[in-house]
Amino acid sequence: MIINKEELEQLKKNAKIHKIIFDEIKKVAKPWISSYDIDLLCWKICKENWVLAWFKWVYSFPANMCISVNDVVVHWVPSKKTIFKDWDLVKFDLWIKDKHIWINTDAAIAIIIWENKDKEVERFLKVNEIALKKWIEQCKIWNRVWDIWNAIQKYVEWEWFHIVRDLTWHWLWYSLHEKPYVYNYGKPWTWEKLKEWMLLAIEPIIWFSSSKIIDKGWFEFFIVDWSLGCQVEHTVLITKEGPEIII
């Protein structure tokens, strides 16, 4: 999708609220805090800034954001029963839609709760973050979508982790998921070339093992052997000067 300058200005306003929420999450996400508490915090900040946490308005999702812990790869519904513990790997995925233009920003962060003593878990999270960085580096005019997923797949597998093949990234605009949906793997030299003013929601989604995943409830994806899944995400704009991270 190709956006215009007015939409870009609103996207950057949305991104500021996104950042406020993520910064607050990093401060308060400690042991004995529930994912419901974080979801309520998100709702309060969105209400104060007159924006919508858009997950709640689509697909009958019952919360403001997705908060997925450990073996839940994505899309877990926040709950008072989900209490964070030391060493938990938690993914916070948030969509914001403003009430002026109604355009979306989409981003996700992953953090390890409190003090983690497992260096391999730290490496797993770092690999996901570096994969996202490598992905964004490929977001240049006339590069193909394949250049992006190739960079991710090669790096993740080189580090002995695995791409979640059931889940995709996507374009952004007025809908929550704009087509085409794109996997993090594929055949060389396929898909279209990137163009100026395209807006992408880039999200490498990886897992620790090579096990299977199953979906339960509201599109929740669980890893069957109880190992870890991870997701990080940015909203990225294609420009002549190179990729611009909106949030």
Protein backbone atom coordinates (compact mmCIF):
# COMPACT_ATOMS: atom_id res chain seq x y z
CA MET A 1 0.00 0.00 0.00
CA ILE A 2 1.20 3.51 -0.84
CA ILE A 3 0.59 6.17 1.83
CA ASN A 4 0.62 9.99 1.55
CA LYS A 5 2.20 12.75 3.63
CA GLU A 6 -0.92 13.41 5.72
CA GLU A 7 -1.09 9.72 6.62
CA LEU A 8 2.60 9.70 7.47
CA GLU A 9 2.15 12.62 9.86
CA GLN A 10 -0.64 10.76 11.66
CA LEU A 11 1.41 7.55 11.75
CA LYS A 12 4.15 9.38 13.62
CA LYS A 13 1.62 10.69 16.14
CA ASN A 14 0.37 7.13 16.67
CA ALA A 15 3.95 5.95 17.07
CA LYS A 16 4.57 8.35 19.97
CA ILE A 17 1.70 6.77 21.88
CA HIS A 18 2.98 3.32 20.97
CA LYS A 19 6.35 4.23 22.47
CA ILE A 20 4.79 5.59 25.67
CA ILE A 21 2.94 2.31 26.17
CA PHE A 22 6.00 0.14 25.51
CA ASP A 23 8.17 2.27 27.80
CA GLU A 24 5.61 1.91 30.60
CA ILE A 25 5.39 -1.85 30.03
CA LYS A 26 9.16 -2.18 30.44
CA LYS A 27 8.92 -0.35 33.77
CA VAL A 28 6.06 -2.33 35.31
CA ALA A 29 6.36 -5.84 33.84
CA LYS A 30 7.77 -7.61 36.90
CA PRO A 31 7.11 -10.91 38.68
CA TRP A 32 3.62 -11.18 40.18
CA ILE A 33 2.15 -8.67 37.71
CA SER A 34 -0.58 -10.16 35.53
CA SER A 35 -0.99 -9.74 31.79
CA TYR A 36 -4.44 -8.31 32.58
CA ASP A 37 -2.74 -5.47 34.52
CA ILE A 38 -0.64 -4.64 31.47
CA ASP A 39 -3.66 -4.74 29.17
CA LEU A 40 -5.49 -2.33 31.49
CA LEU A 41 -2.48 0.01 31.46
CA CYS A 42 -2.54 -0.05 27.65
CA TRP A 43 -6.25 0.81 27.59
CA LYS A 44 -5.78 3.76 29.97
CA ILE A 45 -2.96 5.30 27.92
CA CYS A 46 -4.89 4.85 24.67
CA LYS A 47 -7.98 6.46 26.20
CA GLU A 48 -5.97 9.41 27.51
CA ASN A 49 -4.51 9.98 24.04
CA TRP A 50 -7.77 9.48 22.14
CA VAL A 51 -6.68 6.47 20.08
CA LEU A 52 -7.95 2.90 19.81
CA ALA A 53 -6.07 -0.25 20.73
CA TRP A 54 -7.33 -1.83 17.54
CA PHE A 55 -7.03 -5.53 18.42
CA LYS A 56 -10.14 -5.10 20.55
CA TRP A 57 -12.18 -3.97 17.57
CA VAL A 58 -11.44 -6.80 15.15
CA TYR A 59 -11.97 -10.55 15.01
CA SER A 60 -13.90 -10.33 18.32
CA PHE A 61 -10.61 -10.21 20.21
CA PRO A 62 -11.46 -9.72 23.91
CA ALA A 63 -8.53 -7.48 24.94
CA ASN A 64 -6.55 -4.42 23.92
CA MET A 65 -3.28 -6.14 23.05
CA CYS A 66 -1.82 -9.62 22.65
CA ILE A 67 0.44 -10.71 25.51
CA SER A 68 2.05 -14.10 24.85
CA VAL A 69 4.23 -15.90 27.38
CA ASN A 70 7.00 -18.47 26.70
CA ASP A 71 5.63 -21.34 24.57
CA VAL A 72 2.73 -19.21 23.29
CA VAL A 73 4.21 -17.75 20.10
CA VAL A 74 1.57 -15.07 19.42
CA HIS A 75 -2.01 -13.90 20.10
CA TRP A 76 -2.54 -14.91 23.72
CA VAL A 77 -5.41 -13.11 25.43
CA PRO A 78 -4.41 -11.19 28.61
CA SER A 79 -5.83 -12.67 31.80
CA LYS A 80 -5.75 -12.19 35.57
CA LYS A 81 -4.62 -15.82 35.71
CA THR A 82 -1.49 -15.17 33.66
CA ILE A 83 1.01 -14.01 36.29
CA PHE A 84 4.52 -13.17 35.17
CA LYS A 85 7.40 -15.10 36.75
CA ASP A 86 11.17 -14.74 36.77
CA TRP A 87 12.70 -15.70 33.44
CA ASP A 88 9.43 -15.58 31.48
CA LEU A 89 9.87 -14.50 27.86
CA VAL A 90 6.88 -12.27 27.14
CA LYS A 91 5.78 -10.80 23.81
CA PHE A 92 3.63 -7.62 23.74
CA ASP A 93 1.91 -6.99 20.40
CA LEU A 94 -0.08 -3.78 19.93
CA TRP A 95 -2.02 -2.14 17.12
CA ILE A 96 -3.00 1.53 17.38
CA LYS A 97 -5.57 3.25 15.17
CA ASP A 98 -6.20 6.98 15.51
CA LYS A 99 -9.66 8.55 15.45
CA HIS A 100 -8.75 11.17 12.84
CA ILE A 101 -7.49 9.41 9.72
CA TRP A 102 -8.03 5.86 11.04
CA ILE A 103 -4.66 4.54 9.91
CA ASN A 104 -2.75 1.78 11.75
CA THR A 105 0.63 1.43 13.41
CA ASP A 106 1.70 -2.05 14.45
CA ALA A 107 4.62 -3.08 16.67
CA ALA A 108 5.68 -5.75 19.13
CA ILE A 109 8.38 -6.02 21.77
CA ALA A 110 9.69 -9.04 23.68
CA ILE A 111 11.26 -8.87 27.13
CA ILE A 112 12.59 -11.29 29.71
CA ILE A 113 10.87 -10.71 33.04
CA TRP A 114 13.14 -9.61 35.86
CA GLU A 115 16.49 -11.40 36.08
CA ASN A 116 17.25 -14.12 33.58
CA LYS A 117 20.09 -16.56 34.25
CA ASP A 118 19.67 -18.62 31.09
CA LYS A 119 22.13 -17.27 28.53
CA GLU A 120 20.56 -19.33 25.75
CA VAL A 121 17.20 -17.60 26.26
CA GLU A 122 18.97 -14.25 26.11
CA ARG A 123 20.66 -15.33 22.87
CA PHE A 124 17.31 -16.47 21.46
CA LEU A 125 15.76 -13.05 22.07
CA LYS A 126 18.84 -11.30 20.67
CA VAL A 127 18.70 -13.38 17.49
CA ASN A 128 15.07 -12.34 16.97
CA GLU A 129 15.98 -8.67 17.42
CA ILE A 130 18.96 -8.91 15.05
CA ALA A 131 16.79 -10.73 12.48
CA LEU A 132 14.39 -7.78 12.58
CA LYS A 133 17.29 -5.35 12.09
CA LYS A 134 18.63 -7.36 9.14
CA TRP A 135 15.15 -7.44 7.68
CA ILE A 136 14.76 -3.67 7.88
CA GLU A 137 18.16 -3.15 6.24
CA GLN A 138 16.74 -4.83 3.12
CA CYS A 139 13.74 -2.47 2.92
CA LYS A 140 15.06 -0.43 0.00
CA ILE A 141 13.39 0.73 -3.18
CA TRP A 142 13.50 -1.96 -5.88
CA ASN A 143 14.55 -4.71 -3.51
CA ARG A 144 12.15 -7.60 -3.67
CA VAL A 145 10.16 -8.96 -0.76
CA TRP A 146 12.30 -12.06 -1.15
CA ASP A 147 15.39 -10.06 -0.14
CA ILE A 148 13.73 -9.46 3.22
CA TRP A 149 12.68 -12.99 4.08
CA ASN A 150 15.94 -14.40 2.72
CA ALA A 151 17.90 -12.21 5.15
CA ILE A 152 15.76 -13.41 8.07
CA GLN A 153 15.66 -17.09 7.22
CA LYS A 154 19.39 -17.37 6.60
CA TYR A 155 20.36 -15.59 9.79
CA VAL A 156 17.89 -17.37 12.09
CA GLU A 157 18.78 -20.83 10.80
CA TRP A 158 22.50 -20.02 10.94
CA GLU A 159 22.01 -19.41 14.66
CA TRP A 160 20.32 -22.84 14.99
CA PHE A 161 16.83 -21.51 15.64
CA HIS A 162 13.77 -21.90 13.44
CA ILE A 163 11.29 -19.84 11.44
CA VAL A 164 7.63 -20.24 12.41
CA ARG A 165 6.27 -21.18 9.00
CA ASP A 166 2.58 -20.90 9.86
CA LEU A 167 2.64 -17.14 10.51
CA THR A 168 3.20 -14.13 8.26
CA TRP A 169 4.04 -10.45 8.11
CA HIS A 170 1.99 -7.97 6.09
CA TRP A 171 1.42 -4.55 4.60
CA LEU A 172 -0.24 -1.76 6.64
CA TRP A 173 -2.82 0.88 5.85
CA TYR A 174 -6.43 1.29 7.02
CA SER A 175 -7.14 -2.39 7.59
CA LEU A 176 -5.50 -4.38 10.35
CA HIS A 177 -3.84 -6.82 7.96
CA GLU A 178 -3.36 -5.50 4.44
CA LYS A 179 -2.59 -8.03 1.74
CA PRO A 180 -0.35 -9.52 0.57
CA TYR A 181 0.57 -11.64 3.60
CA VAL A 182 4.17 -12.77 3.39
CA TYR A 183 5.95 -15.70 5.06
CA ASN A 184 9.46 -15.47 6.51
CA TYR A 185 10.75 -18.00 3.99
CA GLY A 186 10.19 -18.78 0.33
CA LYS A 187 11.58 -19.12 -3.18
CA PRO A 188 14.24 -16.72 -4.54
CA TRP A 189 13.24 -13.78 -6.75
CA THR A 190 9.56 -14.02 -5.98
CA TRP A 191 7.01 -11.37 -5.00
CA GLU A 192 6.92 -7.75 -6.01
CA LYS A 193 9.56 -5.04 -5.71
CA LEU A 194 9.36 -2.48 -2.93
CA LYS A 195 8.34 1.07 -3.85
CA GLU A 196 8.58 4.47 -2.19
CA TRP A 197 5.86 5.19 0.43
CA MET A 198 5.00 1.54 0.97
CA LEU A 199 4.21 0.79 4.61
CA LEU A 200 5.14 -2.62 6.02
CA ALA A 201 4.59 -4.36 9.35
CA ILE A 202 7.75 -6.40 9.62
CA GLU A 203 7.81 -9.22 12.18
CA PRO A 204 10.23 -12.13 12.24
CA ILE A 205 8.54 -14.85 14.31
CA ILE A 206 10.86 -17.62 15.45
CA TRP A 207 10.93 -20.58 17.80
CA PHE A 208 13.56 -22.27 19.88
CA SER A 209 12.91 -25.86 18.77
CA SER A 210 11.83 -27.46 15.51
CA SER A 211 8.66 -28.85 17.05
CA LYS A 212 5.12 -28.33 15.84
CA ILE A 213 2.77 -25.56 16.85
CA ILE A 214 -0.97 -25.82 17.41
CA ASP A 215 -3.63 -23.13 17.53
CA LYS A 216 -6.09 -22.87 20.40
CA GLY A 217 -8.89 -20.47 21.08
CA TRP A 218 -8.42 -17.06 19.50
CA PHE A 219 -5.67 -17.86 16.97
CA GLU A 220 -3.31 -18.61 19.85
CA PHE A 221 -0.29 -20.56 18.66
CA PHE A 222 1.33 -22.88 21.21
CA ILE A 223 4.54 -24.88 20.74
CA VAL A 224 3.74 -28.50 21.55
CA ASP A 225 7.04 -29.32 23.29
CA TRP A 226 6.78 -26.29 25.64
CA SER A 227 9.87 -24.58 24.23
CA LEU A 228 10.01 -20.84 23.47
CA GLY A 229 8.55 -18.70 20.72
CA CYS A 230 9.46 -15.09 20.03
CA GLN A 231 8.09 -12.17 18.02
CA VAL A 232 9.36 -8.60 17.56
CA GLU A 233 7.94 -6.11 15.09
CA HIS A 234 8.30 -2.64 13.60
CA THR A 235 6.17 -0.49 11.31
CA VAL A 236 8.54 0.52 8.49
CA LEU A 237 8.16 3.05 5.66
CA ILE A 238 10.03 2.69 2.36
CA THR A 239 11.72 5.97 1.35
CA LYS A 240 14.29 7.10 -1.22
CA GLU A 241 16.81 7.52 1.59
CA GLY A 242 16.20 4.01 2.89
CA PRO A 243 13.87 2.40 5.44
CA GLU A 244 12.32 4.64 8.11
CA ILE A 245 11.20 2.97 11.33
CA ILE A 246 7.89 4.58 12.34
CA ILE A 247 7.65 2.52 15.53
